[in-house]
Amino acid sequence: MVTELGDGMMLWFSDAQAAVDTCLSMLSRFDAHSMSTLQPLWVRIGLHWGRQTRRRNDLIGHDVNLAARILDQAGPSELLLSEDTIAQLEPGNYQLDEIGPVVMKGIPDPVRLFRAVSI
């Protein structure tokens, strides 16, 4: 499922591993394009694994809001994951670096975030 949000998108995956693999592949392609054209495409990605509620063609709920807050923490060409997402993953061709518990607007408790980098 894809929802367009202004100049951004919300993608829903039924599998956390597929989400991480897809997002790392997207970042790699955006980076390659940026290098070949000298016009950077600064894409930021935040992933959270949790429950969502469907309302017509949209997803809503606390976990959807948390994913958006994680995205807000990401820098250009960066993929940030929640601890709940990490718990769903198998080892892969990526490295996970903890960036620590982060306090986010509207989220009552700090959230442990990790940066995923292709290796």
N, C-alpha and C. Protein backbone atom coordinates (compact mmCIF):
# COMPACT_ATOMS: atom_id res chain seq x y z
N MET A 1 0.85 -1.18 0.00
CA MET A 1 0.00 0.00 0.00
C MET A 1 0.89 1.24 0.00
N VAL A 2 0.52 2.22 -0.79
CA VAL A 2 1.27 3.46 -0.87
C VAL A 2 0.31 4.62 -0.67
N THR A 3 0.69 5.55 0.20
CA THR A 3 -0.08 6.78 0.40
C THR A 3 0.84 7.94 0.13
N GLU A 4 0.43 8.85 -0.75
CA GLU A 4 1.24 10.03 -1.03
C GLU A 4 0.94 11.10 0.01
N LEU A 5 2.00 11.73 0.50
CA LEU A 5 1.88 12.77 1.53
C LEU A 5 2.68 13.99 1.10
N GLY A 6 2.10 14.83 0.27
CA GLY A 6 2.83 15.99 -0.23
C GLY A 6 4.00 15.53 -1.07
N ASP A 7 5.22 15.88 -0.63
CA ASP A 7 6.40 15.44 -1.39
C ASP A 7 6.96 14.13 -0.85
N GLY A 8 6.20 13.45 -0.01
CA GLY A 8 6.64 12.18 0.56
C GLY A 8 5.64 11.08 0.29
N MET A 9 6.00 9.88 0.76
CA MET A 9 5.14 8.72 0.61
C MET A 9 5.20 7.88 1.86
N MET A 10 4.11 7.20 2.15
CA MET A 10 4.10 6.19 3.21
C MET A 10 3.89 4.85 2.51
N LEU A 11 4.84 3.95 2.71
CA LEU A 11 4.74 2.61 2.13
C LEU A 11 4.45 1.62 3.24
N TRP A 12 3.58 0.66 2.99
CA TRP A 12 3.28 -0.38 3.96
C TRP A 12 3.76 -1.70 3.41
N PHE A 13 4.50 -2.44 4.22
CA PHE A 13 5.01 -3.76 3.85
C PHE A 13 4.44 -4.78 4.83
N SER A 14 4.17 -5.96 4.33
CA SER A 14 3.69 -7.04 5.21
C SER A 14 4.86 -7.80 5.83
N ASP A 15 6.10 -7.46 5.46
CA ASP A 15 7.28 -8.15 5.94
C ASP A 15 8.38 -7.12 6.22
N ALA A 16 8.88 -7.10 7.46
CA ALA A 16 9.90 -6.12 7.84
C ALA A 16 11.19 -6.29 7.06
N GLN A 17 11.58 -7.54 6.80
CA GLN A 17 12.82 -7.80 6.05
C GLN A 17 12.71 -7.22 4.65
N ALA A 18 11.59 -7.43 4.00
CA ALA A 18 11.38 -6.88 2.66
C ALA A 18 11.42 -5.35 2.69
N ALA A 19 10.88 -4.76 3.75
CA ALA A 19 10.89 -3.30 3.87
C ALA A 19 12.32 -2.78 3.95
N VAL A 20 13.14 -3.40 4.80
CA VAL A 20 14.53 -2.94 4.95
C VAL A 20 15.30 -3.14 3.65
N ASP A 21 15.18 -4.32 3.05
CA ASP A 21 15.89 -4.59 1.80
C ASP A 21 15.48 -3.61 0.70
N THR A 22 14.18 -3.36 0.58
CA THR A 22 13.68 -2.43 -0.43
C THR A 22 14.18 -1.02 -0.18
N CYS A 23 14.12 -0.57 1.07
CA CYS A 23 14.54 0.79 1.39
C CYS A 23 16.04 1.00 1.17
N LEU A 24 16.86 0.01 1.53
CA LEU A 24 18.30 0.13 1.28
C LEU A 24 18.59 0.15 -0.22
N SER A 25 17.87 -0.65 -0.98
CA SER A 25 18.04 -0.64 -2.44
C SER A 25 17.64 0.72 -3.03
N MET A 26 16.53 1.26 -2.54
CA MET A 26 16.09 2.58 -3.02
C MET A 26 17.15 3.64 -2.72
N LEU A 27 17.68 3.64 -1.49
CA LEU A 27 18.69 4.63 -1.13
C LEU A 27 19.92 4.50 -2.02
N SER A 28 20.33 3.28 -2.30
CA SER A 28 21.49 3.04 -3.17
C SER A 28 21.24 3.61 -4.56
N ARG A 29 20.07 3.38 -5.09
CA ARG A 29 19.74 3.90 -6.43
C ARG A 29 19.65 5.42 -6.44
N PHE A 30 19.06 5.99 -5.42
CA PHE A 30 19.00 7.46 -5.34
C PHE A 30 20.39 8.05 -5.24
N ASP A 31 21.26 7.43 -4.45
CA ASP A 31 22.63 7.92 -4.32
C ASP A 31 23.38 7.82 -5.64
N ALA A 32 23.21 6.70 -6.36
CA ALA A 32 23.86 6.54 -7.66
C ALA A 32 23.37 7.59 -8.64
N HIS A 33 22.08 7.84 -8.65
CA HIS A 33 21.53 8.87 -9.53
C HIS A 33 22.10 10.24 -9.17
N SER A 34 22.17 10.53 -7.89
CA SER A 34 22.70 11.82 -7.44
C SER A 34 24.14 12.02 -7.90
N MET A 35 24.95 10.96 -7.83
CA MET A 35 26.34 11.05 -8.23
C MET A 35 26.48 11.23 -9.74
N SER A 36 25.60 10.60 -10.51
CA SER A 36 25.72 10.67 -11.97
C SER A 36 25.20 11.98 -12.54
N THR A 37 24.33 12.66 -11.84
CA THR A 37 23.75 13.90 -12.37
C THR A 37 24.21 15.14 -11.62
N LEU A 38 24.91 14.94 -10.53
CA LEU A 38 25.34 16.05 -9.66
C LEU A 38 24.15 16.84 -9.12
N GLN A 39 22.99 16.21 -9.10
CA GLN A 39 21.79 16.80 -8.51
C GLN A 39 21.32 15.87 -7.41
N PRO A 40 21.64 16.19 -6.16
CA PRO A 40 21.33 15.25 -5.08
C PRO A 40 19.83 15.04 -4.88
N LEU A 41 19.49 13.78 -4.65
CA LEU A 41 18.14 13.40 -4.24
C LEU A 41 18.25 12.98 -2.79
N TRP A 42 17.96 13.87 -1.90
CA TRP A 42 18.12 13.61 -0.48
C TRP A 42 16.85 13.00 0.07
N VAL A 43 16.85 11.69 0.10
CA VAL A 43 15.70 10.93 0.57
C VAL A 43 15.98 10.47 2.00
N ARG A 44 14.99 10.63 2.87
CA ARG A 44 15.08 10.17 4.26
C ARG A 44 14.03 9.09 4.46
N ILE A 45 14.40 8.03 5.20
CA ILE A 45 13.46 6.92 5.41
C ILE A 45 13.44 6.54 6.89
N GLY A 46 12.24 6.37 7.42
CA GLY A 46 12.06 5.87 8.78
C GLY A 46 11.15 4.66 8.75
N LEU A 47 11.55 3.59 9.45
CA LEU A 47 10.75 2.36 9.49
C LEU A 47 10.38 2.00 10.92
N HIS A 48 9.14 1.59 11.08
CA HIS A 48 8.68 1.06 12.36
C HIS A 48 7.76 -0.10 12.08
N TRP A 49 7.94 -1.18 12.82
CA TRP A 49 7.10 -2.37 12.69
C TRP A 49 6.08 -2.34 13.81
N GLY A 50 4.81 -2.35 13.46
CA GLY A 50 3.78 -2.31 14.48
C GLY A 50 2.41 -2.53 13.87
N ARG A 51 1.40 -2.17 14.64
CA ARG A 51 0.02 -2.34 14.20
C ARG A 51 -0.46 -1.06 13.54
N GLN A 52 -1.35 -1.25 12.60
CA GLN A 52 -1.97 -0.10 11.96
C GLN A 52 -3.46 -0.37 11.84
N THR A 53 -4.20 0.67 11.64
CA THR A 53 -5.63 0.56 11.42
C THR A 53 -5.93 1.15 10.05
N ARG A 54 -6.68 0.43 9.26
CA ARG A 54 -7.07 0.95 7.95
C ARG A 54 -8.34 1.79 8.08
N ARG A 55 -8.31 2.93 7.44
CA ARG A 55 -9.51 3.76 7.30
C ARG A 55 -9.61 4.09 5.82
N ARG A 56 -10.55 3.47 5.15
CA ARG A 56 -10.70 3.56 3.69
C ARG A 56 -9.37 3.20 3.03
N ASN A 57 -8.75 4.13 2.33
CA ASN A 57 -7.48 3.87 1.65
C ASN A 57 -6.29 4.42 2.42
N ASP A 58 -6.42 4.57 3.72
CA ASP A 58 -5.36 5.16 4.52
C ASP A 58 -5.04 4.26 5.71
N LEU A 59 -3.86 4.47 6.28
CA LEU A 59 -3.46 3.79 7.50
C LEU A 59 -3.34 4.83 8.60
N ILE A 60 -3.83 4.49 9.79
CA ILE A 60 -3.78 5.42 10.92
C ILE A 60 -3.35 4.66 12.17
N GLY A 61 -3.08 5.39 13.23
CA GLY A 61 -2.79 4.77 14.51
C GLY A 61 -1.45 5.21 15.08
N HIS A 62 -1.21 4.80 16.33
CA HIS A 62 0.01 5.17 17.05
C HIS A 62 1.27 4.74 16.31
N ASP A 63 1.29 3.50 15.80
CA ASP A 63 2.49 3.01 15.13
C ASP A 63 2.76 3.73 13.82
N VAL A 64 1.73 4.15 13.13
CA VAL A 64 1.90 4.95 11.92
C VAL A 64 2.50 6.31 12.30
N ASN A 65 2.01 6.91 13.38
CA ASN A 65 2.57 8.18 13.85
C ASN A 65 4.02 8.02 14.27
N LEU A 66 4.34 6.90 14.93
CA LEU A 66 5.71 6.65 15.35
C LEU A 66 6.64 6.54 14.14
N ALA A 67 6.20 5.85 13.10
CA ALA A 67 7.00 5.75 11.88
C ALA A 67 7.29 7.14 11.31
N ALA A 68 6.30 8.01 11.33
CA ALA A 68 6.50 9.38 10.83
C ALA A 68 7.49 10.14 11.70
N ARG A 69 7.45 9.95 13.00
CA ARG A 69 8.40 10.62 13.90
C ARG A 69 9.82 10.09 13.69
N ILE A 70 9.95 8.79 13.42
CA ILE A 70 11.27 8.22 13.13
C ILE A 70 11.81 8.84 11.84
N LEU A 71 10.96 8.97 10.84
CA LEU A 71 11.37 9.63 9.60
C LEU A 71 11.89 11.03 9.88
N ASP A 72 11.22 11.76 10.76
CA ASP A 72 11.65 13.13 11.09
C ASP A 72 13.07 13.17 11.65
N GLN A 73 13.53 12.07 12.25
CA GLN A 73 14.86 12.02 12.84
C GLN A 73 15.95 11.70 11.81
N ALA A 74 15.56 11.14 10.67
CA ALA A 74 16.52 10.71 9.66
C ALA A 74 17.11 11.90 8.92
N GLY A 75 18.39 11.75 8.57
CA GLY A 75 19.07 12.74 7.75
C GLY A 75 19.03 12.33 6.28
N PRO A 76 19.60 13.15 5.40
CA PRO A 76 19.62 12.82 3.97
C PRO A 76 20.30 11.46 3.72
N SER A 77 19.69 10.66 2.87
CA SER A 77 20.19 9.33 2.50
C SER A 77 20.36 8.42 3.70
N GLU A 78 19.48 8.56 4.68
CA GLU A 78 19.59 7.77 5.90
C GLU A 78 18.32 6.94 6.12
N LEU A 79 18.53 5.70 6.56
CA LEU A 79 17.44 4.81 6.92
C LEU A 79 17.52 4.53 8.41
N LEU A 80 16.49 4.95 9.14
CA LEU A 80 16.43 4.71 10.58
C LEU A 80 15.32 3.69 10.87
N LEU A 81 15.63 2.79 11.83
CA LEU A 81 14.70 1.72 12.19
C LEU A 81 14.43 1.76 13.68
N SER A 82 13.22 1.39 14.05
CA SER A 82 12.90 1.24 15.47
C SER A 82 13.38 -0.11 15.96
N GLU A 83 13.48 -0.24 17.28
CA GLU A 83 13.85 -1.51 17.90
C GLU A 83 12.83 -2.60 17.55
N ASP A 84 11.56 -2.25 17.43
CA ASP A 84 10.52 -3.22 17.07
C ASP A 84 10.76 -3.76 15.66
N THR A 85 11.28 -2.93 14.77
CA THR A 85 11.60 -3.38 13.43
C THR A 85 12.79 -4.34 13.47
N ILE A 86 13.83 -3.98 14.23
CA ILE A 86 15.03 -4.81 14.35
C ILE A 86 14.66 -6.22 14.83
N ALA A 87 13.70 -6.32 15.73
CA ALA A 87 13.30 -7.61 16.29
C ALA A 87 12.73 -8.55 15.23
N GLN A 88 12.29 -8.01 14.10
CA GLN A 88 11.68 -8.81 13.03
C GLN A 88 12.69 -9.26 11.97
N LEU A 89 13.94 -8.81 12.07
CA LEU A 89 14.91 -9.01 10.99
C LEU A 89 15.82 -10.22 11.19
N GLU A 90 16.24 -10.78 10.08
CA GLU A 90 17.28 -11.79 10.02
C GLU A 90 18.58 -11.06 9.65
N PRO A 91 19.74 -11.66 9.94
CA PRO A 91 20.99 -11.03 9.49
C PRO A 91 20.95 -10.85 7.97
N GLY A 92 21.53 -9.75 7.51
CA GLY A 92 21.51 -9.46 6.08
C GLY A 92 22.75 -8.70 5.65
N ASN A 93 22.70 -8.15 4.46
CA ASN A 93 23.81 -7.40 3.90
C ASN A 93 23.75 -5.94 4.33
N TYR A 94 23.60 -5.75 5.62
CA TYR A 94 23.54 -4.41 6.17
C TYR A 94 24.12 -4.43 7.58
N GLN A 95 24.51 -3.25 7.99
CA GLN A 95 25.02 -3.06 9.35
C GLN A 95 24.02 -2.20 10.09
N LEU A 96 23.82 -2.51 11.36
CA LEU A 96 22.91 -1.73 12.19
C LEU A 96 23.72 -1.03 13.26
N ASP A 97 23.61 0.29 13.31
CA ASP A 97 24.30 1.09 14.32
C ASP A 97 23.26 1.76 15.21
N GLU A 98 23.34 1.50 16.51
CA GLU A 98 22.38 2.13 17.42
C GLU A 98 22.73 3.61 17.56
N ILE A 99 21.71 4.45 17.44
CA ILE A 99 21.94 5.88 17.66
C ILE A 99 21.33 6.33 18.98
N GLY A 100 20.74 5.36 19.70
CA GLY A 100 20.30 5.64 21.06
C GLY A 100 18.83 5.85 21.20
N PRO A 101 18.40 5.96 22.46
CA PRO A 101 17.01 6.31 22.71
C PRO A 101 16.78 7.78 22.35
N VAL A 102 15.72 8.02 21.64
CA VAL A 102 15.42 9.37 21.15
C VAL A 102 14.04 9.78 21.65
N VAL A 103 13.94 10.97 22.17
CA VAL A 103 12.66 11.55 22.59
C VAL A 103 12.04 12.22 21.36
N MET A 104 10.78 11.88 21.08
CA MET A 104 10.11 12.42 19.91
C MET A 104 8.78 13.04 20.29
N LYS A 105 8.45 14.09 19.60
CA LYS A 105 7.20 14.82 19.85
C LYS A 105 5.99 13.88 19.76
N GLY A 106 5.16 13.91 20.78
CA GLY A 106 3.92 13.15 20.80
C GLY A 106 4.08 11.68 21.14
N ILE A 107 5.31 11.23 21.40
CA ILE A 107 5.57 9.83 21.76
C ILE A 107 5.98 9.82 23.23
N PRO A 108 5.25 9.13 24.09
CA PRO A 108 5.47 9.27 25.54
C PRO A 108 6.83 8.78 26.04
N ASP A 109 7.38 7.73 25.45
CA ASP A 109 8.65 7.17 25.92
C ASP A 109 9.72 7.31 24.85
N PRO A 110 10.99 7.45 25.27
CA PRO A 110 12.07 7.46 24.28
C PRO A 110 12.07 6.15 23.47
N VAL A 111 12.48 6.26 22.22
CA VAL A 111 12.48 5.12 21.30
C VAL A 111 13.92 4.84 20.88
N ARG A 112 14.35 3.56 21.03
CA ARG A 112 15.68 3.17 20.56
C ARG A 112 15.67 3.12 19.04
N LEU A 113 16.57 3.89 18.43
CA LEU A 113 16.66 3.94 16.97
C LEU A 113 17.99 3.37 16.51
N PHE A 114 17.98 2.81 15.31
CA PHE A 114 19.15 2.23 14.69
C PHE A 114 19.25 2.74 13.26
N ARG A 115 20.49 2.96 12.82
CA ARG A 115 20.76 3.34 11.44
C ARG A 115 21.14 2.07 10.69
N ALA A 116 20.51 1.82 9.53
CA ALA A 116 20.84 0.67 8.69
C ALA A 116 21.67 1.17 7.52
N VAL A 117 22.81 0.49 7.29
CA VAL A 117 23.71 0.84 6.19
C VAL A 117 24.05 -0.43 5.43
N SER A 118 23.98 -0.39 4.10
CA SER A 118 24.35 -1.54 3.29
C SER A 118 25.84 -1.82 3.43
N ILE A 119 26.20 -3.12 3.42
CA ILE A 119 27.62 -3.49 3.46
C ILE A 119 27.94 -4.38 2.27
